[in-house]
Structure formats: C-alpha cells, structure tokens
Amino acid sequence: MKIISLLNLKGGVAKSFSTVNIAYELWRRSYKVLLLDNDKQGNLSKAYQRYDPEKVAPITNLLCGNWQNPKELIQPTNYDGIDIVTANMSLFGAVWNLIKGETEDLAGKYKKLMEVINQEEENTADHHPFSGYDYCIIDNPPDISLNVINALAVTDEVIVPVKIDEDALEGLDIVAEQIEDAKALNPSLQLRGVLVTAYQNTDGEKAGLEWLEREWDNADSRLYRKYPILGMIRYSRKVAENSFLRKPIYEYSPCCSAAQDYKRFVTSYTGKER
C-alpha cells in the first residue's frame, strides 16, 4: 500500500478536491483506496457523504488510540473499493488534549492502523474487507499540527497542490522544510512534487509556472530538483457548480477541463490508463 499525503500550508488550494478526484481516478483503474480525512473541517468526508458532525470522528479515535479493530474506524463509501476514515471538529480538541496529556509516542498514532492493515494483507487468505488497499491518501489541513505529524510519519510521498500566485510559490520552501524535519520520524518520506490547481492561462500564472519550471531545471538554484511539476489542473466553472452535489467532478461533468486533467494526472502518476 502506497501512502500519499496531500499537503500545503496555504488553504484554498484544492487539497480536498484533489484528494476526492485522485481517489476516484485510482478507483476507476481498479485500485482499492483508503482515504484518511485528517482535516477537522471534514471536507473529504462530506464529499464522500460520510460526514457526521455529532459523534466523535473515527480519525479522532485513531489519533487518540481509542480503537481495537480497523472496522471501528474505516467506513465503506458509495464506491465499492474506496473506504474512508472520516473527520469532524472533534479532531481539533483531540490534538490539544494529546499535547497536554501525553509525552510518549505522540507521532506514532497512525502507524498502528497501517501495520494492522498490512499484517492482515499478509496473513489472511480470504482478505478482511479492510485490507488489500493499493493506495492510502491522506487529506491534511493547512498547518503542521500533531495530526499532520502523525500523517507524515506514515507517508511515502507528499504531493503539494498549488494555485499559482506569489504567496503560494514562496510557501513551497516552508513545506519542503517541514518535510525535511519529518524525515527524522520517517526517513523514507519524500516530496514527490507539485500539482498545479485551478490554472488559468493568464500572464501572471504563466510567469509563475515558468518560474517553477526554471527553478527545477536550474542546477545553480537552491530549489534545484525540489519541485517537479507532476500535473496541471485547469480552472473550470463546473468545479464550483459541483460543490453542492458531493460527487467527483468526472461524474458531474466528464468533459470539463478539470475532470480531464485529473484523469490525465492519475494516468501519468500510476502509468495506468483506464
């Protein structure tokens, strides 16, 4: 199971929207996907119609260690092959309570679930329904809080969704620094690259894109080979129209630019057409 975190310390860059659509495109290629909604806002949970604002969220119980079996945490979605650990605002209080109340293993809370899933995959002839995942995708909030540190501790690759503007590009260095720091907990962690979102072919955005490409190719730059561009998702008004429908963009408007770009990105990322 490859574990991917979507992370940017700036909000409003389509992290949750990208997670929704990357998971959907992986599913369309017959991959089995586990989603972790690691953001107290619960946008990923809402998108897959599993948001519950009343109960303590499964991701909160995972962070606090209040579980015994994966079935207590993982829920199926309406897509057979996409499962989710949901979030809500209970995650906010859990982070602060853990910081105040515990001093041991604060960064190892998510490892147990990954170990149990992998162990069931190896030891069970007839796979448990919550095993056999090809990908785990973690949707993170725009900060480096305790829950994000736990996510990075189990992550293989970080994808940074970016909307092209000066502040977003400058913030990439901070993300890279945090990932480097997290390697003390997880030496195999790597920054895979940047996914440009909501791209409009304006002069300003073209200049920002050229800057990213130039810095990546410039061996004399301090950013050399740090931010490869993995893909580009074009702006589409269909994305805003779809926001109340709670479905992947391809199911709402398969011909729109965003739907086609997520399809193209996942094909490039996995090397597998659908």
C-alpha atoms as a PDB file:
ATOM      1  CA  MET A   1       0.000   0.000   0.000  1.00  0.00           C
ATOM      2  CA  LYS A   2       1.487   3.326  -1.080  1.00  0.00           C
ATOM      3  CA  ILE A   3       0.627   6.168   1.305  1.00  0.00           C
ATOM      4  CA  ILE A   4       0.300   9.642  -0.216  1.00  0.00           C
ATOM      5  CA  SER A   5      -0.264  12.869   1.708  1.00  0.00           C
ATOM      6  CA  LEU A   6      -1.661  15.991   0.081  1.00  0.00           C
ATOM      7  CA  LEU A   7      -0.231  18.935   1.965  1.00  0.00           C
ATOM      8  CA  ASN A   8       0.114  22.678   1.630  1.00  0.00           C
ATOM      9  CA  LEU A   9       0.353  25.186   4.464  1.00  0.00           C
ATOM     10  CA  LYS A  10      -1.833  27.570   2.479  1.00  0.00           C
ATOM     11  CA  GLY A  11      -5.597  26.961   2.406  1.00  0.00           C
ATOM     12  CA  GLY A  12      -7.842  27.191  -0.625  1.00  0.00           C
ATOM     13  CA  VAL A  13      -5.536  25.307  -2.991  1.00  0.00           C
ATOM     14  CA  ALA A  14      -7.930  22.387  -3.684  1.00  0.00           C
ATOM     15  CA  LYS A  15      -6.301  19.809  -1.399  1.00  0.00           C
ATOM     16  CA  SER A  16      -9.571  18.085  -0.505  1.00  0.00           C
ATOM     17  CA  PHE A  17     -10.978  18.435  -4.017  1.00  0.00           C
ATOM     18  CA  SER A  18      -7.806  16.902  -5.427  1.00  0.00           C
ATOM     19  CA  THR A  19      -7.932  14.055  -2.906  1.00  0.00           C
ATOM     20  CA  VAL A  20     -11.536  13.297  -3.889  1.00  0.00           C
ATOM     21  CA  ASN A  21     -10.735  13.162  -7.569  1.00  0.00           C
ATOM     22  CA  ILE A  22      -7.404  11.366  -7.330  1.00  0.00           C
ATOM     23  CA  ALA A  23      -9.086   8.649  -5.257  1.00  0.00           C
ATOM     24  CA  TYR A  24     -11.894   8.387  -7.791  1.00  0.00           C
ATOM     25  CA  GLU A  25      -9.483   8.104 -10.704  1.00  0.00           C
ATOM     26  CA  LEU A  26      -7.484   5.426  -8.895  1.00  0.00           C
ATOM     27  CA  TRP A  27     -10.724   3.539  -8.278  1.00  0.00           C
ATOM     28  CA  ARG A  28     -11.613   3.802 -11.963  1.00  0.00           C
ATOM     29  CA  ARG A  29      -8.335   1.996 -12.635  1.00  0.00           C
ATOM     30  CA  SER A  30      -9.415  -0.857 -10.307  1.00  0.00           C
ATOM     31  CA  TYR A  31      -7.163   0.186  -7.436  1.00  0.00           C
ATOM     32  CA  LYS A  32      -8.508  -0.172  -3.907  1.00  0.00           C
ATOM     33  CA  VAL A  33      -8.172   3.097  -1.974  1.00  0.00           C
ATOM     34  CA  LEU A  34      -8.254   4.008   1.708  1.00  0.00           C
ATOM     35  CA  LEU A  35      -8.871   7.681   2.496  1.00  0.00           C
ATOM     36  CA  LEU A  36      -7.865   9.402   5.739  1.00  0.00           C
ATOM     37  CA  ASP A  37      -9.618  12.699   6.314  1.00  0.00           C
ATOM     38  CA  ASN A  38      -7.038  14.368   8.529  1.00  0.00           C
ATOM     39  CA  ASP A  39      -8.675  17.820   8.461  1.00  0.00           C
ATOM     40  CA  LYS A  40     -11.132  18.853  11.175  1.00  0.00           C
ATOM     41  CA  GLN A  41     -13.273  20.623   8.551  1.00  0.00           C
ATOM     42  CA  GLY A  42     -14.204  17.210   7.167  1.00  0.00           C
ATOM     43  CA  ASN A  43     -14.455  18.300   3.538  1.00  0.00           C
ATOM     44  CA  LEU A  44     -13.270  14.932   2.255  1.00  0.00           C
ATOM     45  CA  SER A  45     -15.833  13.168   4.459  1.00  0.00           C
ATOM     46  CA  LYS A  46     -18.543  15.481   3.140  1.00  0.00           C
ATOM     47  CA  ALA A  47     -17.548  14.851  -0.455  1.00  0.00           C
ATOM     48  CA  TYR A  48     -17.944  11.106   0.030  1.00  0.00           C
ATOM     49  CA  GLN A  49     -21.183  11.629   2.005  1.00  0.00           C
ATOM     50  CA  ARG A  50     -19.900  10.177   5.259  1.00  0.00           C
ATOM     51  CA  TYR A  51     -19.641  13.329   7.372  1.00  0.00           C
ATOM     52  CA  ASP A  52     -21.194  13.116  10.848  1.00  0.00           C
ATOM     53  CA  PRO A  53     -20.853  16.301  12.930  1.00  0.00           C
ATOM     54  CA  GLU A  54     -22.374  14.777  16.074  1.00  0.00           C
ATOM     55  CA  LYS A  55     -20.208  11.800  17.018  1.00  0.00           C
ATOM     56  CA  VAL A  56     -16.515  11.632  17.827  1.00  0.00           C
ATOM     57  CA  ALA A  57     -14.925  11.138  14.428  1.00  0.00           C
ATOM     58  CA  PRO A  58     -13.019   7.948  13.582  1.00  0.00           C
ATOM     59  CA  ILE A  59      -9.865   9.962  12.790  1.00  0.00           C
ATOM     60  CA  THR A  60     -10.090  11.395  16.313  1.00  0.00           C
ATOM     61  CA  ASN A  61     -10.275   7.912  17.810  1.00  0.00           C
ATOM     62  CA  LEU A  62      -7.328   6.889  15.642  1.00  0.00           C
ATOM     63  CA  LEU A  63      -5.271   9.834  16.872  1.00  0.00           C
ATOM     64  CA  CYS A  64      -6.201   9.122  20.497  1.00  0.00           C
ATOM     65  CA  GLY A  65      -5.665   5.361  20.235  1.00  0.00           C
ATOM     66  CA  ASN A  66      -9.302   4.645  21.122  1.00  0.00           C
ATOM     67  CA  TRP A  67      -9.825   1.642  18.849  1.00  0.00           C
ATOM     68  CA  GLN A  68      -9.166  -2.075  18.690  1.00  0.00           C
ATOM     69  CA  ASN A  69     -10.220  -3.139  15.203  1.00  0.00           C
ATOM     70  CA  PRO A  70      -9.980  -1.300  11.856  1.00  0.00           C
ATOM     71  CA  LYS A  71     -13.728  -1.761  11.345  1.00  0.00           C
ATOM     72  CA  GLU A  72     -14.252   0.720  14.195  1.00  0.00           C
ATOM     73  CA  LEU A  73     -12.523   3.390  12.100  1.00  0.00           C
ATOM     74  CA  ILE A  74     -12.998   2.566   8.421  1.00  0.00           C
ATOM     75  CA  GLN A  75     -16.289   3.022   6.583  1.00  0.00           C
ATOM     76  CA  PRO A  76     -17.149   1.984   3.042  1.00  0.00           C
ATOM     77  CA  THR A  77     -18.275   4.743   0.690  1.00  0.00           C
ATOM     78  CA  ASN A  78     -20.763   4.527  -2.147  1.00  0.00           C
ATOM     79  CA  TYR A  79     -17.876   3.320  -4.326  1.00  0.00           C
ATOM     80  CA  ASP A  80     -17.003  -0.322  -3.798  1.00  0.00           C
ATOM     81  CA  GLY A  81     -13.247  -0.031  -3.447  1.00  0.00           C
ATOM     82  CA  ILE A  82     -12.993   3.383  -1.778  1.00  0.00           C
ATOM     83  CA  ASP A  83     -13.119   3.365   2.037  1.00  0.00           C
ATOM     84  CA  ILE A  84     -12.679   6.281   4.413  1.00  0.00           C
ATOM     85  CA  VAL A  85     -11.677   7.260   7.946  1.00  0.00           C
ATOM     86  CA  THR A  86     -13.801  10.362   8.474  1.00  0.00           C
ATOM     87  CA  ALA A  87     -13.180  13.601  10.383  1.00  0.00           C
ATOM     88  CA  ASN A  88     -15.078  16.410  12.075  1.00  0.00           C
ATOM     89  CA  MET A  89     -14.363  19.158  14.598  1.00  0.00           C
ATOM     90  CA  SER A  90     -13.715  16.631  17.381  1.00  0.00           C
ATOM     91  CA  LEU A  91     -10.230  16.307  15.880  1.00  0.00           C
ATOM     92  CA  PHE A  92      -9.397  19.858  16.987  1.00  0.00           C
ATOM     93  CA  GLY A  93      -9.903  19.129  20.680  1.00  0.00           C
ATOM     94  CA  ALA A  94      -8.119  15.793  20.459  1.00  0.00           C
ATOM     95  CA  VAL A  95      -4.936  17.413  19.177  1.00  0.00           C
ATOM     96  CA  TRP A  96      -4.780  19.816  22.104  1.00  0.00           C
ATOM     97  CA  ASN A  97      -5.654  17.168  24.681  1.00  0.00           C
ATOM     98  CA  LEU A  98      -2.889  14.892  23.448  1.00  0.00           C
ATOM     99  CA  ILE A  99      -0.319  17.680  23.547  1.00  0.00           C
ATOM    100  CA  LYS A 100      -1.269  18.481  27.129  1.00  0.00           C
ATOM    101  CA  GLY A 101      -1.750  14.952  28.410  1.00  0.00           C
ATOM    102  CA  GLU A 102       0.837  12.715  26.744  1.00  0.00           C
ATOM    103  CA  THR A 103       4.557  12.787  26.212  1.00  0.00           C
ATOM    104  CA  GLU A 104       5.210   9.361  24.632  1.00  0.00           C
ATOM    105  CA  ASP A 105       4.692   8.215  21.049  1.00  0.00           C
ATOM    106  CA  LEU A 106       2.868  11.374  20.002  1.00  0.00           C
ATOM    107  CA  ALA A 107       3.924  10.861  16.388  1.00  0.00           C
ATOM    108  CA  GLY A 108       3.135   7.142  16.137  1.00  0.00           C
ATOM    109  CA  LYS A 109      -0.647   7.170  16.400  1.00  0.00           C
ATOM    110  CA  TYR A 110      -1.386   6.369  12.740  1.00  0.00           C
ATOM    111  CA  LYS A 111       1.320   3.735  12.392  1.00  0.00           C
ATOM    112  CA  LYS A 112      -0.692   1.099  14.242  1.00  0.00           C
ATOM    113  CA  LEU A 113      -3.551   1.210  11.720  1.00  0.00           C
ATOM    114  CA  MET A 114      -1.149   0.902   8.781  1.00  0.00           C
ATOM    115  CA  GLU A 115       0.625  -2.000  10.471  1.00  0.00           C
ATOM    116  CA  VAL A 116      -2.651  -3.817  11.166  1.00  0.00           C
ATOM    117  CA  ILE A 117      -3.830  -3.360   7.576  1.00  0.00           C
ATOM    118  CA  ASN A 118      -0.540  -4.623   6.181  1.00  0.00           C
ATOM    119  CA  GLN A 119      -0.478  -7.552   8.608  1.00  0.00           C
ATOM    120  CA  GLU A 120      -3.987  -8.624   7.620  1.00  0.00           C
ATOM    121  CA  GLU A 121      -2.981  -8.416   3.967  1.00  0.00           C
ATOM    122  CA  GLU A 122      -0.021 -10.720   4.576  1.00  0.00           C
ATOM    123  CA  ASN A 123      -1.658 -13.226   6.927  1.00  0.00           C
ATOM    124  CA  THR A 124      -5.241 -13.581   5.727  1.00  0.00           C
ATOM    125  CA  ALA A 125      -6.015 -15.956   2.878  1.00  0.00           C
ATOM    126  CA  ASP A 126      -9.524 -14.545   2.462  1.00  0.00           C
ATOM    127  CA  HIS A 127      -8.800 -10.870   2.820  1.00  0.00           C
ATOM    128  CA  HIS A 128     -10.525  -8.870   5.526  1.00  0.00           C
ATOM    129  CA  PRO A 129     -12.774  -6.243   3.909  1.00  0.00           C
ATOM    130  CA  PHE A 130     -10.443  -3.573   5.307  1.00  0.00           C
ATOM    131  CA  SER A 131      -7.260  -4.912   3.743  1.00  0.00           C
ATOM    132  CA  GLY A 132      -5.791  -5.220   0.280  1.00  0.00           C
ATOM    133  CA  TYR A 133      -5.510  -1.475  -0.313  1.00  0.00           C
ATOM    134  CA  ASP A 134      -3.284  -0.316  -3.132  1.00  0.00           C
ATOM    135  CA  TYR A 135      -3.243   3.324  -2.034  1.00  0.00           C
ATOM    136  CA  CYS A 136      -3.910   5.310   1.112  1.00  0.00           C
ATOM    137  CA  ILE A 137      -4.443   9.022   0.508  1.00  0.00           C
ATOM    138  CA  ILE A 138      -4.368  11.469   3.417  1.00  0.00           C
ATOM    139  CA  ASP A 139      -6.033  14.875   3.123  1.00  0.00           C
ATOM    140  CA  ASN A 140      -4.243  17.224   5.520  1.00  0.00           C
ATOM    141  CA  PRO A 141      -5.152  20.653   6.923  1.00  0.00           C
ATOM    142  CA  PRO A 142      -3.072  23.766   6.086  1.00  0.00           C
ATOM    143  CA  ASP A 143      -0.828  23.500   9.135  1.00  0.00           C
ATOM    144  CA  ILE A 144       1.750  21.269  10.813  1.00  0.00           C
ATOM    145  CA  SER A 145      -0.186  20.125  13.866  1.00  0.00           C
ATOM    146  CA  LEU A 146       0.095  16.829  15.727  1.00  0.00           C
ATOM    147  CA  ASN A 147      -2.292  15.023  13.388  1.00  0.00           C
ATOM    148  CA  VAL A 148      -0.262  16.150  10.364  1.00  0.00           C
ATOM    149  CA  ILE A 149       2.974  14.989  12.011  1.00  0.00           C
ATOM    150  CA  ASN A 150       1.337  11.589  12.513  1.00  0.00           C
ATOM    151  CA  ALA A 151       0.338  11.547   8.856  1.00  0.00           C
ATOM    152  CA  LEU A 152       3.857  12.387   7.686  1.00  0.00           C
ATOM    153  CA  ALA A 153       5.241   9.659   9.940  1.00  0.00           C
ATOM    154  CA  VAL A 154       3.496   7.033   7.770  1.00  0.00           C
ATOM    155  CA  THR A 155       3.603   8.784   4.380  1.00  0.00           C
ATOM    156  CA  ASP A 156       5.654   7.596   1.430  1.00  0.00           C
ATOM    157  CA  GLU A 157       5.135  10.600  -0.853  1.00  0.00           C
ATOM    158  CA  VAL A 158       3.853  14.150  -0.431  1.00  0.00           C
ATOM    159  CA  ILE A 159       2.024  15.898  -3.264  1.00  0.00           C
ATOM    160  CA  VAL A 160       1.685  19.671  -2.854  1.00  0.00           C
ATOM    161  CA  PRO A 161      -1.385  21.183  -4.554  1.00  0.00           C
ATOM    162  CA  VAL A 162      -0.595  24.768  -5.543  1.00  0.00           C
ATOM    163  CA  LYS A 163      -2.560  27.636  -7.015  1.00  0.00           C
ATOM    164  CA  ILE A 164      -0.136  29.838  -8.874  1.00  0.00           C
ATOM    165  CA  ASP A 165       0.476  33.118  -7.086  1.00  0.00           C
ATOM    166  CA  GLU A 166       3.473  34.713  -5.394  1.00  0.00           C
ATOM    167  CA  ASP A 167       2.489  33.775  -1.840  1.00  0.00           C
ATOM    168  CA  ALA A 168       1.848  30.144  -2.768  1.00  0.00           C
ATOM    169  CA  LEU A 169       5.174  29.790  -4.533  1.00  0.00           C
ATOM    170  CA  GLU A 170       7.070  31.369  -1.643  1.00  0.00           C
ATOM    171  CA  GLY A 171       5.322  28.993   0.774  1.00  0.00           C
ATOM    172  CA  LEU A 172       6.725  25.957  -1.009  1.00  0.00           C
ATOM    173  CA  ASP A 173      10.031  26.371   0.805  1.00  0.00           C
ATOM    174  CA  ILE A 174       8.264  26.123   4.175  1.00  0.00           C
ATOM    175  CA  VAL A 175       6.513  22.921   3.114  1.00  0.00           C
ATOM    176  CA  ALA A 176       9.822  21.447   1.965  1.00  0.00           C
ATOM    177  CA  GLU A 177      11.479  22.364   5.260  1.00  0.00           C
ATOM    178  CA  GLN A 178       8.706  20.693   7.259  1.00  0.00           C
ATOM    179  CA  ILE A 179       9.027  17.549   5.174  1.00  0.00           C
ATOM    180  CA  GLU A 180      12.780  17.505   5.766  1.00  0.00           C
ATOM    181  CA  ASP A 181      12.157  17.824   9.512  1.00  0.00           C
ATOM    182  CA  ALA A 182       9.639  14.966   9.380  1.00  0.00           C
ATOM    183  CA  LYS A 183      12.293  12.665   7.912  1.00  0.00           C
ATOM    184  CA  ALA A 184      13.636  12.322  11.452  1.00  0.00           C
ATOM    185  CA  LEU A 185      10.472  10.267  12.108  1.00  0.00           C
ATOM    186  CA  ASN A 186      10.153   8.747   8.653  1.00  0.00           C
ATOM    187  CA  PRO A 187      13.403   8.575   6.645  1.00  0.00           C
ATOM    188  CA  SER A 188      11.612   7.212   3.560  1.00  0.00           C
ATOM    189  CA  LEU A 189       9.361  10.271   3.271  1.00  0.00           C
ATOM    190  CA  GLN A 190       9.812  12.208   0.054  1.00  0.00           C
ATOM    191  CA  LEU A 191       8.384  15.287  -1.595  1.00  0.00           C
ATOM    192  CA  ARG A 192       7.119  13.898  -4.887  1.00  0.00           C
ATOM    193  CA  GLY A 193       6.232  17.257  -6.428  1.00  0.00           C
ATOM    194  CA  VAL A 194       3.668  19.932  -7.178  1.00  0.00           C
ATOM    195  CA  LEU A 195       0.164  19.585  -8.591  1.00  0.00           C
ATOM    196  CA  VAL A 196      -0.891  22.936 -10.059  1.00  0.00           C
ATOM    197  CA  THR A 197      -4.625  23.508  -9.495  1.00  0.00           C
ATOM    198  CA  ALA A 198      -7.257  25.898 -10.877  1.00  0.00           C
ATOM    199  CA  TYR A 199      -4.808  27.045 -13.520  1.00  0.00           C
ATOM    200  CA  GLN A 200      -5.878  29.921 -15.765  1.00  0.00           C
ATOM    201  CA  ASN A 201      -3.701  30.862 -18.665  1.00  0.00           C
ATOM    202  CA  THR A 202      -3.160  34.466 -17.547  1.00  0.00           C
ATOM    203  CA  ASP A 203       0.135  36.297 -17.944  1.00  0.00           C
ATOM    204  CA  GLY A 204       0.721  36.157 -14.193  1.00  0.00           C
ATOM    205  CA  GLU A 205       0.045  32.443 -13.868  1.00  0.00           C
ATOM    206  CA  LYS A 206       2.117  31.652 -16.937  1.00  0.00           C
ATOM    207  CA  ALA A 207       5.007  33.553 -15.334  1.00  0.00           C
ATOM    208  CA  GLY A 208       4.604  31.574 -12.090  1.00  0.00           C
ATOM    209  CA  LEU A 209       4.552  28.294 -13.973  1.00  0.00           C
ATOM    210  CA  GLU A 210       7.658  29.286 -15.905  1.00  0.00           C
ATOM    211  CA  TRP A 211       9.375  30.159 -12.615  1.00  0.00           C
ATOM    212  CA  LEU A 212       8.649  26.700 -11.214  1.00  0.00           C
ATOM    213  CA  GLU A 213       9.923  25.025 -14.358  1.00  0.00           C
ATOM    214  CA  ARG A 214      13.018  27.232 -14.487  1.00  0.00           C
ATOM    215  CA  GLU A 215      13.977  26.675 -10.850  1.00  0.00           C
ATOM    216  CA  TRP A 216      13.543  22.934 -11.222  1.00  0.00           C
ATOM    217  CA  ASP A 217      15.901  22.840 -14.206  1.00  0.00           C
ATOM    218  CA  ASN A 218      18.479  25.314 -12.867  1.00  0.00           C
ATOM    219  CA  ALA A 219      21.322  23.386 -11.219  1.00  0.00           C
ATOM    220  CA  ASP A 220      22.593  26.599  -9.587  1.00  0.00           C
ATOM    221  CA  SER A 221      19.286  27.271  -7.840  1.00  0.00           C
ATOM    222  CA  ARG A 222      18.732  26.436  -4.174  1.00  0.00           C
ATOM    223  CA  LEU A 223      15.421  24.903  -5.317  1.00  0.00           C
ATOM    224  CA  TYR A 224      17.069  22.639  -7.880  1.00  0.00           C
ATOM    225  CA  ARG A 225      15.039  19.455  -8.441  1.00  0.00           C
ATOM    226  CA  LYS A 226      12.911  20.211  -5.393  1.00  0.00           C
ATOM    227  CA  TYR A 227       9.550  20.967  -7.005  1.00  0.00           C
ATOM    228  CA  PRO A 228       8.892  18.899 -10.116  1.00  0.00           C
ATOM    229  CA  ILE A 229       5.507  19.689 -11.658  1.00  0.00           C
ATOM    230  CA  LEU A 230       3.510  16.460 -11.604  1.00  0.00           C
ATOM    231  CA  GLY A 231       0.457  17.806 -13.387  1.00  0.00           C
ATOM    232  CA  MET A 232      -1.729  20.806 -14.054  1.00  0.00           C
ATOM    233  CA  ILE A 233      -5.466  21.026 -13.352  1.00  0.00           C
ATOM    234  CA  ARG A 234      -7.103  23.788 -15.350  1.00  0.00           C
ATOM    235  CA  TYR A 235      -9.758  26.068 -13.889  1.00  0.00           C
ATOM    236  CA  SER A 236     -13.339  25.097 -14.684  1.00  0.00           C
ATOM    237  CA  ARG A 237     -16.555  26.765 -13.567  1.00  0.00           C
ATOM    238  CA  LYS A 238     -18.024  23.243 -13.382  1.00  0.00           C
ATOM    239  CA  VAL A 239     -15.997  22.737 -10.193  1.00  0.00           C
ATOM    240  CA  ALA A 240     -17.961  25.452  -8.370  1.00  0.00           C
ATOM    241  CA  GLU A 241     -21.260  24.127  -9.769  1.00  0.00           C
ATOM    242  CA  ASN A 242     -20.392  20.675  -8.443  1.00  0.00           C
ATOM    243  CA  SER A 243     -19.582  21.802  -4.896  1.00  0.00           C
ATOM    244  CA  PHE A 244     -23.092  21.125  -3.561  1.00  0.00           C
ATOM    245  CA  LEU A 245     -23.532  17.779  -5.298  1.00  0.00           C
ATOM    246  CA  ARG A 246     -20.898  15.834  -3.360  1.00  0.00           C
ATOM    247  CA  LYS A 247     -19.508  13.812  -6.238  1.00  0.00           C
ATOM    248  CA  PRO A 248     -16.233  13.521  -8.171  1.00  0.00           C
ATOM    249  CA  ILE A 249     -16.004  16.082 -10.938  1.00  0.00           C
ATOM    250  CA  TYR A 250     -15.844  13.395 -13.642  1.00  0.00           C
ATOM    251  CA  GLU A 251     -19.305  12.153 -12.653  1.00  0.00           C
ATOM    252  CA  TYR A 252     -20.737  15.664 -12.842  1.00  0.00           C
ATOM    253  CA  SER A 253     -19.049  16.921 -15.996  1.00  0.00           C
ATOM    254  CA  PRO A 254     -16.736  14.346 -17.594  1.00  0.00           C
ATOM    255  CA  CYS A 255     -15.808  16.601 -20.491  1.00  0.00           C
ATOM    256  CA  CYS A 256     -14.809  19.640 -18.442  1.00  0.00           C
ATOM    257  CA  SER A 257     -11.141  20.570 -18.264  1.00  0.00           C
ATOM    258  CA  ALA A 258     -10.728  19.725 -14.567  1.00  0.00           C
ATOM    259  CA  ALA A 259     -12.194  16.228 -14.977  1.00  0.00           C
ATOM    260  CA  GLN A 260      -9.984  15.505 -17.952  1.00  0.00           C
ATOM    261  CA  ASP A 261      -6.906  16.879 -16.181  1.00  0.00           C
ATOM    262  CA  TYR A 262      -7.361  14.739 -13.057  1.00  0.00           C
ATOM    263  CA  LYS A 263      -7.807  11.746 -15.348  1.00  0.00           C
ATOM    264  CA  ARG A 264      -4.609  12.651 -17.194  1.00  0.00           C
ATOM    265  CA  PHE A 265      -2.689  13.276 -13.961  1.00  0.00           C
ATOM    266  CA  VAL A 266      -3.541   9.896 -12.411  1.00  0.00           C
ATOM    267  CA  THR A 267      -2.665   8.137 -15.667  1.00  0.00           C
ATOM    268  CA  SER A 268       0.729   9.830 -15.565  1.00  0.00           C
ATOM    269  CA  TYR A 269       1.212   9.164 -11.843  1.00  0.00           C
ATOM    270  CA  THR A 270       0.352   5.462 -11.995  1.00  0.00           C
ATOM    271  CA  GLY A 271       1.340   4.671 -15.572  1.00  0.00           C
ATOM    272  CA  LYS A 272      -2.053   3.010 -15.991  1.00  0.00           C
ATOM    273  CA  GLU A 273      -4.856   4.088 -18.343  1.00  0.00           C
ATOM    274  CA  ARG A 274      -8.476   3.495 -17.514  1.00  0.00           C
END
